Amino acid sequence: MTLFCARYRCPAAEFEEQALRRCLYWRAHLLAPLIRKIQPRFFEADFALIRYLGTALGRRNAINELAAYIETTKARGGFARNFLRLRISARKTSDLIGLVFQRPTEPGADRSDREI
């Protein structure tokens, strides 16, 4: 969470919402406000992943959790999450993980063991 908030200049209180917006498929992004009003817990699995990523200590842990999320979504996602893709995008999330955990250019300064 710390690295994400520093990179995107957002307060820690807005981490989950900002990360969700950056990772949603475009159609999910458009429909998310309506879906959340009708079914408030619809994005709970997505928020659970984002919360975990906010405390992940490194890229490997984050990627492993993303892989588990993908398998769970495939197995139990249902029509809306799998076919309509009303969920976060694994590619966008993976790209975000890569950006947040990228290695600094300064020698000896390794950020990979800090939380997002």
PDB file of N, CA and C in Angstrom:
ATOM      1  N   MET A   1       0.835  -1.184   0.000  1.00  0.00           N
ATOM      2  CA  MET A   1       0.000   0.000   0.000  1.00  0.00           C
ATOM      3  C   MET A   1       0.880   1.248   0.000  1.00  0.00           C
ATOM      4  N   THR A   2       1.927   1.231   0.778  1.00  0.00           N
ATOM      5  CA  THR A   2       2.790   2.396   0.882  1.00  0.00           C
ATOM      6  C   THR A   2       3.404   2.762  -0.463  1.00  0.00           C
ATOM      7  N   LEU A   3       3.933   1.765  -1.165  1.00  0.00           N
ATOM      8  CA  LEU A   3       4.552   2.033  -2.463  1.00  0.00           C
ATOM      9  C   LEU A   3       3.527   2.505  -3.485  1.00  0.00           C
ATOM     10  N   PHE A   4       2.338   1.876  -3.490  1.00  0.00           N
ATOM     11  CA  PHE A   4       1.273   2.271  -4.414  1.00  0.00           C
ATOM     12  C   PHE A   4       0.877   3.720  -4.158  1.00  0.00           C
ATOM     13  N   CYS A   5       0.623   4.047  -2.906  1.00  0.00           N
ATOM     14  CA  CYS A   5       0.171   5.400  -2.562  1.00  0.00           C
ATOM     15  C   CYS A   5       1.236   6.445  -2.887  1.00  0.00           C
ATOM     16  N   ALA A   6       2.503   6.102  -2.679  1.00  0.00           N
ATOM     17  CA  ALA A   6       3.574   7.031  -3.019  1.00  0.00           C
ATOM     18  C   ALA A   6       3.654   7.212  -4.532  1.00  0.00           C
ATOM     19  N   ARG A   7       3.530   6.119  -5.270  1.00  0.00           N
ATOM     20  CA  ARG A   7       3.644   6.184  -6.731  1.00  0.00           C
ATOM     21  C   ARG A   7       2.486   6.966  -7.352  1.00  0.00           C
ATOM     22  N   TYR A   8       1.266   6.737  -6.850  1.00  0.00           N
ATOM     23  CA  TYR A   8       0.085   7.372  -7.446  1.00  0.00           C
ATOM     24  C   TYR A   8      -0.439   8.555  -6.637  1.00  0.00           C
ATOM     25  N   ARG A   9       0.319   8.958  -5.647  1.00  0.00           N
ATOM     26  CA  ARG A   9      -0.010  10.131  -4.831  1.00  0.00           C
ATOM     27  C   ARG A   9      -1.450  10.119  -4.324  1.00  0.00           C
ATOM     28  N   CYS A  10      -1.766   9.064  -3.623  1.00  0.00           N
ATOM     29  CA  CYS A  10      -3.109   8.984  -3.037  1.00  0.00           C
ATOM     30  C   CYS A  10      -2.968   8.697  -1.543  1.00  0.00           C
ATOM     31  N   PRO A  11      -3.909   9.171  -0.744  1.00  0.00           N
ATOM     32  CA  PRO A  11      -3.862   8.866   0.682  1.00  0.00           C
ATOM     33  C   PRO A  11      -4.125   7.378   0.913  1.00  0.00           C
ATOM     34  N   ALA A  12      -3.595   6.839   1.982  1.00  0.00           N
ATOM     35  CA  ALA A  12      -3.757   5.418   2.304  1.00  0.00           C
ATOM     36  C   ALA A  12      -5.234   5.028   2.406  1.00  0.00           C
ATOM     37  N   ALA A  13      -6.069   5.945   2.852  1.00  0.00           N
ATOM     38  CA  ALA A  13      -7.502   5.664   2.988  1.00  0.00           C
ATOM     39  C   ALA A  13      -8.164   5.391   1.633  1.00  0.00           C
ATOM     40  N   GLU A  14      -7.559   5.863   0.555  1.00  0.00           N
ATOM     41  CA  GLU A  14      -8.126   5.677  -0.778  1.00  0.00           C
ATOM     42  C   GLU A  14      -7.455   4.550  -1.560  1.00  0.00           C
ATOM     43  N   PHE A  15      -6.530   3.832  -0.925  1.00  0.00           N
ATOM     44  CA  PHE A  15      -5.774   2.791  -1.617  1.00  0.00           C
ATOM     45  C   PHE A  15      -6.667   1.776  -2.317  1.00  0.00           C
ATOM     46  N   GLU A  16      -7.616   1.181  -1.598  1.00  0.00           N
ATOM     47  CA  GLU A  16      -8.439   0.122  -2.183  1.00  0.00           C
ATOM     48  C   GLU A  16      -9.246   0.615  -3.367  1.00  0.00           C
ATOM     49  N   GLU A  17      -9.869   1.761  -3.240  1.00  0.00           N
ATOM     50  CA  GLU A  17     -10.684   2.307  -4.331  1.00  0.00           C
ATOM     51  C   GLU A  17      -9.825   2.657  -5.548  1.00  0.00           C
ATOM     52  N   GLN A  18      -8.678   3.284  -5.302  1.00  0.00           N
ATOM     53  CA  GLN A  18      -7.788   3.663  -6.404  1.00  0.00           C
ATOM     54  C   GLN A  18      -7.249   2.429  -7.124  1.00  0.00           C
ATOM     55  N   ALA A  19      -6.830   1.427  -6.356  1.00  0.00           N
ATOM     56  CA  ALA A  19      -6.292   0.204  -6.950  1.00  0.00           C
ATOM     57  C   ALA A  19      -7.381  -0.535  -7.727  1.00  0.00           C
ATOM     58  N   LEU A  20      -8.592  -0.588  -7.183  1.00  0.00           N
ATOM     59  CA  LEU A  20      -9.699  -1.242  -7.894  1.00  0.00           C
ATOM     60  C   LEU A  20      -9.942  -0.553  -9.230  1.00  0.00           C
ATOM     61  N   ARG A  21     -10.004   0.773  -9.221  1.00  0.00           N
ATOM     62  CA  ARG A  21     -10.235   1.512 -10.467  1.00  0.00           C
ATOM     63  C   ARG A  21      -9.158   1.260 -11.502  1.00  0.00           C
ATOM     64  N   ARG A  22      -7.923   1.158 -11.077  1.00  0.00           N
ATOM     65  CA  ARG A  22      -6.822   0.936 -12.011  1.00  0.00           C
ATOM     66  C   ARG A  22      -6.815  -0.480 -12.585  1.00  0.00           C
ATOM     67  N   CYS A  23      -7.447  -1.421 -11.887  1.00  0.00           N
ATOM     68  CA  CYS A  23      -7.362  -2.826 -12.292  1.00  0.00           C
ATOM     69  C   CYS A  23      -8.629  -3.379 -12.962  1.00  0.00           C
ATOM     70  N   LEU A  24      -9.731  -2.667 -12.894  1.00  0.00           N
ATOM     71  CA  LEU A  24     -10.968  -3.175 -13.487  1.00  0.00           C
ATOM     72  C   LEU A  24     -10.914  -3.189 -15.014  1.00  0.00           C
ATOM     73  N   TYR A  25     -11.604  -4.163 -15.598  1.00  0.00           N
ATOM     74  CA  TYR A  25     -11.848  -4.128 -17.043  1.00  0.00           C
ATOM     75  C   TYR A  25     -12.677  -2.881 -17.326  1.00  0.00           C
ATOM     76  N   TRP A  26     -12.611  -2.378 -18.546  1.00  0.00           N
ATOM     77  CA  TRP A  26     -13.299  -1.127 -18.866  1.00  0.00           C
ATOM     78  C   TRP A  26     -14.797  -1.223 -18.644  1.00  0.00           C
ATOM     79  N   ARG A  27     -15.420  -2.332 -19.024  1.00  0.00           N
ATOM     80  CA  ARG A  27     -16.880  -2.415 -18.840  1.00  0.00           C
ATOM     81  C   ARG A  27     -17.245  -2.520 -17.365  1.00  0.00           C
ATOM     82  N   ALA A  28     -16.399  -3.187 -16.599  1.00  0.00           N
ATOM     83  CA  ALA A  28     -16.624  -3.261 -15.152  1.00  0.00           C
ATOM     84  C   ALA A  28     -16.440  -1.880 -14.528  1.00  0.00           C
ATOM     85  N   HIS A  29     -15.481  -1.142 -15.046  1.00  0.00           N
ATOM     86  CA  HIS A  29     -15.236   0.217 -14.553  1.00  0.00           C
ATOM     87  C   HIS A  29     -16.466   1.095 -14.763  1.00  0.00           C
ATOM     88  N   LEU A  30     -17.098   0.939 -15.919  1.00  0.00           N
ATOM     89  CA  LEU A  30     -18.295   1.730 -16.221  1.00  0.00           C
ATOM     90  C   LEU A  30     -19.489   1.332 -15.358  1.00  0.00           C
ATOM     91  N   LEU A  31     -19.615   0.033 -15.090  1.00  0.00           N
ATOM     92  CA  LEU A  31     -20.783  -0.472 -14.367  1.00  0.00           C
ATOM     93  C   LEU A  31     -20.583  -0.597 -12.859  1.00  0.00           C
ATOM     94  N   ALA A  32     -19.355  -0.468 -12.380  1.00  0.00           N
ATOM     95  CA  ALA A  32     -19.057  -0.690 -10.962  1.00  0.00           C
ATOM     96  C   ALA A  32     -19.918   0.132 -10.008  1.00  0.00           C
ATOM     97  N   PRO A  33     -20.113   1.427 -10.229  1.00  0.00           N
ATOM     98  CA  PRO A  33     -20.948   2.177  -9.279  1.00  0.00           C
ATOM     99  C   PRO A  33     -22.373   1.622  -9.171  1.00  0.00           C
ATOM    100  N   LEU A  34     -22.958   1.253 -10.296  1.00  0.00           N
ATOM    101  CA  LEU A  34     -24.312   0.690 -10.284  1.00  0.00           C
ATOM    102  C   LEU A  34     -24.323  -0.686  -9.613  1.00  0.00           C
ATOM    103  N   ILE A  35     -23.367  -1.518  -9.969  1.00  0.00           N
ATOM    104  CA  ILE A  35     -23.290  -2.860  -9.386  1.00  0.00           C
ATOM    105  C   ILE A  35     -23.118  -2.776  -7.875  1.00  0.00           C
ATOM    106  N   ARG A  36     -22.282  -1.861  -7.421  1.00  0.00           N
ATOM    107  CA  ARG A  36     -22.036  -1.733  -5.980  1.00  0.00           C
ATOM    108  C   ARG A  36     -23.250  -1.224  -5.224  1.00  0.00           C
ATOM    109  N   LYS A  37     -24.118  -0.459  -5.887  1.00  0.00           N
ATOM    110  CA  LYS A  37     -25.356  -0.018  -5.239  1.00  0.00           C
ATOM    111  C   LYS A  37     -26.358  -1.167  -5.143  1.00  0.00           C
ATOM    112  N   ILE A  38     -26.454  -1.955  -6.213  1.00  0.00           N
ATOM    113  CA  ILE A  38     -27.409  -3.060  -6.255  1.00  0.00           C
ATOM    114  C   ILE A  38     -26.937  -4.244  -5.416  1.00  0.00           C
ATOM    115  N   GLN A  39     -25.668  -4.583  -5.546  1.00  0.00           N
ATOM    116  CA  GLN A  39     -25.104  -5.737  -4.847  1.00  0.00           C
ATOM    117  C   GLN A  39     -23.762  -5.321  -4.225  1.00  0.00           C
ATOM    118  N   PRO A  40     -23.795  -4.738  -3.035  1.00  0.00           N
ATOM    119  CA  PRO A  40     -22.592  -4.156  -2.430  1.00  0.00           C
ATOM    120  C   PRO A  40     -21.410  -5.115  -2.270  1.00  0.00           C
ATOM    121  N   ARG A  41     -21.648  -6.399  -2.130  1.00  0.00           N
ATOM    122  CA  ARG A  41     -20.558  -7.357  -1.917  1.00  0.00           C
ATOM    123  C   ARG A  41     -20.037  -7.978  -3.213  1.00  0.00           C
ATOM    124  N   PHE A  42     -20.484  -7.512  -4.358  1.00  0.00           N
ATOM    125  CA  PHE A  42     -20.118  -8.107  -5.633  1.00  0.00           C
ATOM    126  C   PHE A  42     -18.607  -8.127  -5.859  1.00  0.00           C
ATOM    127  N   PHE A  43     -17.925  -7.062  -5.518  1.00  0.00           N
ATOM    128  CA  PHE A  43     -16.481  -6.951  -5.742  1.00  0.00           C
ATOM    129  C   PHE A  43     -15.657  -7.369  -4.527  1.00  0.00           C
ATOM    130  N   GLU A  44     -16.247  -8.106  -3.603  1.00  0.00           N
ATOM    131  CA  GLU A  44     -15.540  -8.494  -2.381  1.00  0.00           C
ATOM    132  C   GLU A  44     -14.283  -9.304  -2.672  1.00  0.00           C
ATOM    133  N   ALA A  45     -14.321 -10.237  -3.615  1.00  0.00           N
ATOM    134  CA  ALA A  45     -13.123 -11.025  -3.963  1.00  0.00           C
ATOM    135  C   ALA A  45     -12.031 -10.123  -4.532  1.00  0.00           C
ATOM    136  N   ASP A  46     -12.421  -9.127  -5.304  1.00  0.00           N
ATOM    137  CA  ASP A  46     -11.461  -8.184  -5.877  1.00  0.00           C
ATOM    138  C   ASP A  46     -10.812  -7.335  -4.779  1.00  0.00           C
ATOM    139  N   PHE A  47     -11.637  -6.857  -3.848  1.00  0.00           N
ATOM    140  CA  PHE A  47     -11.101  -6.076  -2.735  1.00  0.00           C
ATOM    141  C   PHE A  47     -10.211  -6.932  -1.834  1.00  0.00           C
ATOM    142  N   ALA A  48     -10.554  -8.204  -1.660  1.00  0.00           N
ATOM    143  CA  ALA A  48      -9.716  -9.097  -0.849  1.00  0.00           C
ATOM    144  C   ALA A  48      -8.325  -9.225  -1.475  1.00  0.00           C
ATOM    145  N   LEU A  49      -8.280  -9.389  -2.795  1.00  0.00           N
ATOM    146  CA  LEU A  49      -6.990  -9.455  -3.479  1.00  0.00           C
ATOM    147  C   LEU A  49      -6.231  -8.144  -3.315  1.00  0.00           C
ATOM    148  N   ILE A  50      -6.893  -7.040  -3.496  1.00  0.00           N
ATOM    149  CA  ILE A  50      -6.248  -5.727  -3.377  1.00  0.00           C
ATOM    150  C   ILE A  50      -5.721  -5.517  -1.962  1.00  0.00           C
ATOM    151  N   ARG A  51      -6.508  -5.907  -0.951  1.00  0.00           N
ATOM    152  CA  ARG A  51      -6.038  -5.779   0.438  1.00  0.00           C
ATOM    153  C   ARG A  51      -4.789  -6.626   0.656  1.00  0.00           C
ATOM    154  N   TYR A  52      -4.788  -7.845   0.103  1.00  0.00           N
ATOM    155  CA  TYR A  52      -3.607  -8.695   0.236  1.00  0.00           C
ATOM    156  C   TYR A  52      -2.410  -8.048  -0.461  1.00  0.00           C
ATOM    157  N   LEU A  53      -2.616  -7.556  -1.661  1.00  0.00           N
ATOM    158  CA  LEU A  53      -1.524  -6.926  -2.402  1.00  0.00           C
ATOM    159  C   LEU A  53      -0.981  -5.713  -1.644  1.00  0.00           C
ATOM    160  N   GLY A  54      -1.843  -5.056  -0.898  1.00  0.00           N
ATOM    161  CA  GLY A  54      -1.411  -3.905  -0.106  1.00  0.00           C
ATOM    162  C   GLY A  54      -0.464  -4.266   1.010  1.00  0.00           C
ATOM    163  N   THR A  55      -0.453  -5.528   1.416  1.00  0.00           N
ATOM    164  CA  THR A  55       0.449  -5.964   2.483  1.00  0.00           C
ATOM    165  C   THR A  55       1.516  -6.932   1.980  1.00  0.00           C
ATOM    166  N   ALA A  56       1.509  -7.237   0.693  1.00  0.00           N
ATOM    167  CA  ALA A  56       2.491  -8.181   0.135  1.00  0.00           C
ATOM    168  C   ALA A  56       3.901  -7.642   0.329  1.00  0.00           C
ATOM    169  N   LEU A  57       4.801  -8.540   0.660  1.00  0.00           N
ATOM    170  CA  LEU A  57       6.179  -8.129   0.941  1.00  0.00           C
ATOM    171  C   LEU A  57       7.085  -8.175  -0.284  1.00  0.00           C
ATOM    172  N   GLY A  58       6.576  -8.682  -1.375  1.00  0.00           N
ATOM    173  CA  GLY A  58       7.396  -8.739  -2.575  1.00  0.00           C
ATOM    174  C   GLY A  58       6.602  -9.147  -3.787  1.00  0.00           C
ATOM    175  N   ARG A  59       7.245  -9.031  -4.938  1.00  0.00           N
ATOM    176  CA  ARG A  59       6.604  -9.339  -6.211  1.00  0.00           C
ATOM    177  C   ARG A  59       6.140 -10.802  -6.262  1.00  0.00           C
ATOM    178  N   ARG A  60       6.973 -11.721  -5.815  1.00  0.00           N
ATOM    179  CA  ARG A  60       6.627 -13.139  -5.885  1.00  0.00           C
ATOM    180  C   ARG A  60       5.349 -13.448  -5.090  1.00  0.00           C
ATOM    181  N   ASN A  61       5.242 -12.915  -3.887  1.00  0.00           N
ATOM    182  CA  ASN A  61       4.031 -13.128  -3.087  1.00  0.00           C
ATOM    183  C   ASN A  61       2.803 -12.548  -3.792  1.00  0.00           C
ATOM    184  N   ALA A  62       2.960 -11.364  -4.355  1.00  0.00           N
ATOM    185  CA  ALA A  62       1.844 -10.712  -5.043  1.00  0.00           C
ATOM    186  C   ALA A  62       1.405 -11.515  -6.270  1.00  0.00           C
ATOM    187  N   ILE A  63       2.359 -11.997  -7.066  1.00  0.00           N
ATOM    188  CA  ILE A  63       2.035 -12.783  -8.254  1.00  0.00           C
ATOM    189  C   ILE A  63       1.375 -14.107  -7.867  1.00  0.00           C
ATOM    190  N   ASN A  64       1.857 -14.736  -6.806  1.00  0.00           N
ATOM    191  CA  ASN A  64       1.241 -15.992  -6.354  1.00  0.00           C
ATOM    192  C   ASN A  64      -0.203 -15.774  -5.915  1.00  0.00           C
ATOM    193  N   GLU A  65      -0.454 -14.681  -5.232  1.00  0.00           N
ATOM    194  CA  GLU A  65      -1.827 -14.388  -4.801  1.00  0.00           C
ATOM    195  C   GLU A  65      -2.713 -14.073  -5.999  1.00  0.00           C
ATOM    196  N   LEU A  66      -2.178 -13.383  -6.982  1.00  0.00           N
ATOM    197  CA  LEU A  66      -2.927 -13.099  -8.206  1.00  0.00           C
ATOM    198  C   LEU A  66      -3.278 -14.401  -8.921  1.00  0.00           C
ATOM    199  N   ALA A  67      -2.348 -15.338  -8.977  1.00  0.00           N
ATOM    200  CA  ALA A  67      -2.607 -16.644  -9.609  1.00  0.00           C
ATOM    201  C   ALA A  67      -3.720 -17.383  -8.879  1.00  0.00           C
ATOM    202  N   ALA A  68      -3.719 -17.327  -7.559  1.00  0.00           N
ATOM    203  CA  ALA A  68      -4.789 -17.967  -6.778  1.00  0.00           C
ATOM    204  C   ALA A  68      -6.137 -17.301  -7.063  1.00  0.00           C
ATOM    205  N   TYR A  69      -6.131 -15.980  -7.180  1.00  0.00           N
ATOM    206  CA  TYR A  69      -7.359 -15.246  -7.504  1.00  0.00           C
ATOM    207  C   TYR A  69      -7.901 -15.686  -8.871  1.00  0.00           C
ATOM    208  N   ILE A  70      -7.008 -15.816  -9.846  1.00  0.00           N
ATOM    209  CA  ILE A  70      -7.422 -16.223 -11.200  1.00  0.00           C
ATOM    210  C   ILE A  70      -8.062 -17.603 -11.168  1.00  0.00           C
ATOM    211  N   GLU A  71      -7.452 -18.542 -10.471  1.00  0.00           N
ATOM    212  CA  GLU A  71      -8.002 -19.903 -10.383  1.00  0.00           C
ATOM    213  C   GLU A  71      -9.353 -19.904  -9.688  1.00  0.00           C
ATOM    214  N   THR A  72      -9.488 -19.153  -8.619  1.00  0.00           N
ATOM    215  CA  THR A  72     -10.760 -19.076  -7.897  1.00  0.00           C
ATOM    216  C   THR A  72     -11.843 -18.461  -8.768  1.00  0.00           C
ATOM    217  N   THR A  73     -11.491 -17.423  -9.496  1.00  0.00           N
ATOM    218  CA  THR A  73     -12.464 -16.760 -10.371  1.00  0.00           C
ATOM    219  C   THR A  73     -12.921 -17.706 -11.469  1.00  0.00           C
ATOM    220  N   LYS A  74     -11.988 -18.451 -12.057  1.00  0.00           N
ATOM    221  CA  LYS A  74     -12.358 -19.411 -13.102  1.00  0.00           C
ATOM    222  C   LYS A  74     -13.284 -20.482 -12.551  1.00  0.00           C
ATOM    223  N   ALA A  75     -13.014 -20.941 -11.345  1.00  0.00           N
ATOM    224  CA  ALA A  75     -13.795 -22.025 -10.762  1.00  0.00           C
ATOM    225  C   ALA A  75     -15.159 -21.572 -10.251  1.00  0.00           C
ATOM    226  N   ARG A  76     -15.216 -20.389  -9.627  1.00  0.00           N
ATOM    227  CA  ARG A  76     -16.459 -19.966  -8.975  1.00  0.00           C
ATOM    228  C   ARG A  76     -16.929 -18.584  -9.378  1.00  0.00           C
ATOM    229  N   GLY A  77     -16.439 -18.067 -10.477  1.00  0.00           N
ATOM    230  CA  GLY A  77     -16.746 -16.690 -10.853  1.00  0.00           C
ATOM    231  C   GLY A  77     -18.162 -16.445 -11.330  1.00  0.00           C
ATOM    232  N   GLY A  78     -18.735 -17.417 -12.007  1.00  0.00           N
ATOM    233  CA  GLY A  78     -20.070 -17.221 -12.532  1.00  0.00           C
ATOM    234  C   GLY A  78     -20.082 -16.430 -13.831  1.00  0.00           C
ATOM    235  N   PHE A  79     -21.252 -16.273 -14.378  1.00  0.00           N
ATOM    236  CA  PHE A  79     -21.441 -15.611 -15.667  1.00  0.00           C
ATOM    237  C   PHE A  79     -20.937 -14.166 -15.673  1.00  0.00           C
ATOM    238  N   ALA A  80     -21.328 -13.398 -14.674  1.00  0.00           N
ATOM    239  CA  ALA A  80     -20.968 -11.973 -14.650  1.00  0.00           C
ATOM    240  C   ALA A  80     -19.467 -11.760 -14.521  1.00  0.00           C
ATOM    241  N   ARG A  81     -18.823 -12.541 -13.690  1.00  0.00           N
ATOM    242  CA  ARG A  81     -17.388 -12.346 -13.469  1.00  0.00           C
ATOM    243  C   ARG A  81     -16.542 -12.968 -14.577  1.00  0.00           C
ATOM    244  N   ASN A  82     -16.946 -14.140 -15.088  1.00  0.00           N
ATOM    245  CA  ASN A  82     -16.139 -14.820 -16.099  1.00  0.00           C
ATOM    246  C   ASN A  82     -16.467 -14.392 -17.525  1.00  0.00           C
ATOM    247  N   PHE A  83     -17.716 -14.457 -17.895  1.00  0.00           N
ATOM    248  CA  PHE A  83     -18.085 -14.154 -19.277  1.00  0.00           C
ATOM    249  C   PHE A  83     -18.138 -12.648 -19.544  1.00  0.00           C
ATOM    250  N   LEU A  84     -18.821 -11.915 -18.665  1.00  0.00           N
ATOM    251  CA  LEU A  84     -18.931 -10.462 -18.850  1.00  0.00           C
ATOM    252  C   LEU A  84     -17.693  -9.716 -18.335  1.00  0.00           C
ATOM    253  N   ARG A  85     -16.852 -10.405 -17.583  1.00  0.00           N
ATOM    254  CA  ARG A  85     -15.616  -9.847 -17.018  1.00  0.00           C
ATOM    255  C   ARG A  85     -15.873  -8.627 -16.137  1.00  0.00           C
ATOM    256  N   LEU A  86     -16.861  -8.733 -15.298  1.00  0.00           N
ATOM    257  CA  LEU A  86     -17.144  -7.682 -14.330  1.00  0.00           C
ATOM    258  C   LEU A  86     -16.295  -7.963 -13.091  1.00  0.00           C
ATOM    259  N   ARG A  87     -15.012  -7.706 -13.238  1.00  0.00           N
ATOM    260  CA  ARG A  87     -14.020  -7.992 -12.195  1.00  0.00           C
ATOM    261  C   ARG A  87     -12.725  -7.280 -12.564  1.00  0.00           C
ATOM    262  N   ILE A  88     -11.725  -7.440 -11.711  1.00  0.00           N
ATOM    263  CA  ILE A  88     -10.432  -6.855 -12.054  1.00  0.00           C
ATOM    264  C   ILE A  88      -9.756  -7.706 -13.122  1.00  0.00           C
ATOM    265  N   SER A  89      -8.947  -7.066 -13.909  1.00  0.00           N
ATOM    266  CA  SER A  89      -8.202  -7.707 -14.980  1.00  0.00           C
ATOM    267  C   SER A  89      -6.889  -8.250 -14.425  1.00  0.00           C
ATOM    268  N   ALA A  90      -6.626  -9.521 -14.682  1.00  0.00           N
ATOM    269  CA  ALA A  90      -5.367 -10.113 -14.226  1.00  0.00           C
ATOM    270  C   ALA A  90      -4.177  -9.412 -14.885  1.00  0.00           C
ATOM    271  N   ARG A  91      -4.297  -9.059 -16.156  1.00  0.00           N
ATOM    272  CA  ARG A  91      -3.201  -8.385 -16.844  1.00  0.00           C
ATOM    273  C   ARG A  91      -2.934  -7.015 -16.236  1.00  0.00           C
ATOM    274  N   LYS A  92      -3.992  -6.228 -16.024  1.00  0.00           N
ATOM    275  CA  LYS A  92      -3.813  -4.902 -15.440  1.00  0.00           C
ATOM    276  C   LYS A  92      -3.244  -5.004 -14.027  1.00  0.00           C
ATOM    277  N   THR A  93      -3.712  -5.986 -13.275  1.00  0.00           N
ATOM    278  CA  THR A  93      -3.211  -6.174 -11.915  1.00  0.00           C
ATOM    279  C   THR A  93      -1.747  -6.590 -11.937  1.00  0.00           C
ATOM    280  N   SER A  94      -1.399  -7.494 -12.858  1.00  0.00           N
ATOM    281  CA  SER A  94      -0.012  -7.918 -12.995  1.00  0.00           C
ATOM    282  C   SER A  94       0.877  -6.747 -13.404  1.00  0.00           C
ATOM    283  N   ASP A  95       0.398  -5.925 -14.318  1.00  0.00           N
ATOM    284  CA  ASP A  95       1.155  -4.736 -14.725  1.00  0.00           C
ATOM    285  C   ASP A  95       1.357  -3.788 -13.545  1.00  0.00           C
ATOM    286  N   LEU A  96       0.316  -3.624 -12.737  1.00  0.00           N
ATOM    287  CA  LEU A  96       0.407  -2.755 -11.568  1.00  0.00           C
ATOM    288  C   LEU A  96       1.416  -3.315 -10.566  1.00  0.00           C
ATOM    289  N   ILE A  97       1.388  -4.613 -10.355  1.00  0.00           N
ATOM    290  CA  ILE A  97       2.361  -5.255  -9.463  1.00  0.00           C
ATOM    291  C   ILE A  97       3.773  -4.988  -9.978  1.00  0.00           C
ATOM    292  N   GLY A  98       3.961  -5.138 -11.273  1.00  0.00           N
ATOM    293  CA  GLY A  98       5.268  -4.885 -11.867  1.00  0.00           C
ATOM    294  C   GLY A  98       5.728  -3.452 -11.669  1.00  0.00           C
ATOM    295  N   LEU A  99       4.814  -2.496 -11.839  1.00  0.00           N
ATOM    296  CA  LEU A  99       5.168  -1.085 -11.657  1.00  0.00           C
ATOM    297  C   LEU A  99       5.517  -0.771 -10.213  1.00  0.00           C
ATOM    298  N   VAL A 100       4.722  -1.290  -9.304  1.00  0.00           N
ATOM    299  CA  VAL A 100       4.924  -0.970  -7.899  1.00  0.00           C
ATOM    300  C   VAL A 100       6.190  -1.634  -7.356  1.00  0.00           C
ATOM    301  N   PHE A 101       6.446  -2.872  -7.784  1.00  0.00           N
ATOM    302  CA  PHE A 101       7.606  -3.591  -7.269  1.00  0.00           C
ATOM    303  C   PHE A 101       8.813  -3.528  -8.197  1.00  0.00           C
ATOM    304  N   GLN A 102       8.836  -2.584  -9.124  1.00  0.00           N
ATOM    305  CA  GLN A 102       9.989  -2.497 -10.020  1.00  0.00           C
ATOM    306  C   GLN A 102      11.240  -2.161  -9.220  1.00  0.00           C
ATOM    307  N   ARG A 103      12.317  -2.677  -9.700  1.00  0.00           N
ATOM    308  CA  ARG A 103      13.592  -2.457  -9.023  1.00  0.00           C
ATOM    309  C   ARG A 103      14.037  -1.013  -9.234  1.00  0.00           C
ATOM    310  N   PRO A 104      14.490  -0.374  -8.173  1.00  0.00           N
ATOM    311  CA  PRO A 104      15.007   0.990  -8.322  1.00  0.00           C
ATOM    312  C   PRO A 104      16.310   0.982  -9.120  1.00  0.00           C
ATOM    313  N   THR A 105      16.637   2.110  -9.686  1.00  0.00           N
ATOM    314  CA  THR A 105      17.846   2.194 -10.504  1.00  0.00           C
ATOM    315  C   THR A 105      19.096   2.397  -9.655  1.00  0.00           C
ATOM    316  N   GLU A 106      18.936   2.781  -8.405  1.00  0.00           N
ATOM    317  CA  GLU A 106      20.078   2.995  -7.530  1.00  0.00           C
ATOM    318  C   GLU A 106      20.619   1.649  -7.035  1.00  0.00           C
ATOM    319  N   PRO A 107      21.919   1.430  -7.133  1.00  0.00           N
ATOM    320  CA  PRO A 107      22.468   0.172  -6.645  1.00  0.00           C
ATOM    321  C   PRO A 107      22.332   0.068  -5.129  1.00  0.00           C
ATOM    322  N   GLY A 108      22.017  -1.131  -4.669  1.00  0.00           N
ATOM    323  CA  GLY A 108      21.918  -1.382  -3.240  1.00  0.00           C
ATOM    324  C   GLY A 108      20.589  -1.022  -2.620  1.00  0.00           C
ATOM    325  N   ALA A 109      19.689  -0.371  -3.337  1.00  0.00           N
ATOM    326  CA  ALA A 109      18.379  -0.002  -2.798  1.00  0.00           C
ATOM    327  C   ALA A 109      17.340  -0.945  -3.364  1.00  0.00           C
ATOM    328  N   ASP A 110      16.934  -1.929  -2.603  1.00  0.00           N
ATOM    329  CA  ASP A 110      15.993  -2.943  -3.068  1.00  0.00           C
ATOM    330  C   ASP A 110      14.641  -2.730  -2.392  1.00  0.00           C
ATOM    331  N   ARG A 111      13.609  -2.441  -3.173  1.00  0.00           N
ATOM    332  CA  ARG A 111      12.260  -2.212  -2.642  1.00  0.00           C
ATOM    333  C   ARG A 111      11.430  -3.473  -2.658  1.00  0.00           C
ATOM    334  N   SER A 112      11.917  -4.575  -3.173  1.00  0.00           N
ATOM    335  CA  SER A 112      11.096  -5.764  -3.364  1.00  0.00           C
ATOM    336  C   SER A 112      10.620  -6.380  -2.074  1.00  0.00           C
ATOM    337  N   ASP A 113      11.186  -5.995  -0.934  1.00  0.00           N
ATOM    338  CA  ASP A 113      10.758  -6.597   0.316  1.00  0.00           C
ATOM    339  C   ASP A 113       9.890  -5.652   1.148  1.00  0.00           C
ATOM    340  N   ARG A 114       9.386  -4.597   0.541  1.00  0.00           N
ATOM    341  CA  ARG A 114       8.469  -3.688   1.231  1.00  0.00           C
ATOM    342  C   ARG A 114       7.052  -3.919   0.739  1.00  0.00           C
ATOM    343  N   GLU A 115       6.099  -3.470   1.525  1.00  0.00           N
ATOM    344  CA  GLU A 115       4.703  -3.656   1.126  1.00  0.00           C
ATOM    345  C   GLU A 115       4.276  -2.666   0.069  1.00  0.00           C
ATOM    346  N   ILE A 116       3.246  -3.061  -0.699  1.00  0.00           N
ATOM    347  CA  ILE A 116       2.681  -2.183  -1.724  1.00  0.00           C
ATOM    348  C   ILE A 116       2.098  -0.989  -1.025  1.00  0.00           C
TER     349      ILE A 116
END
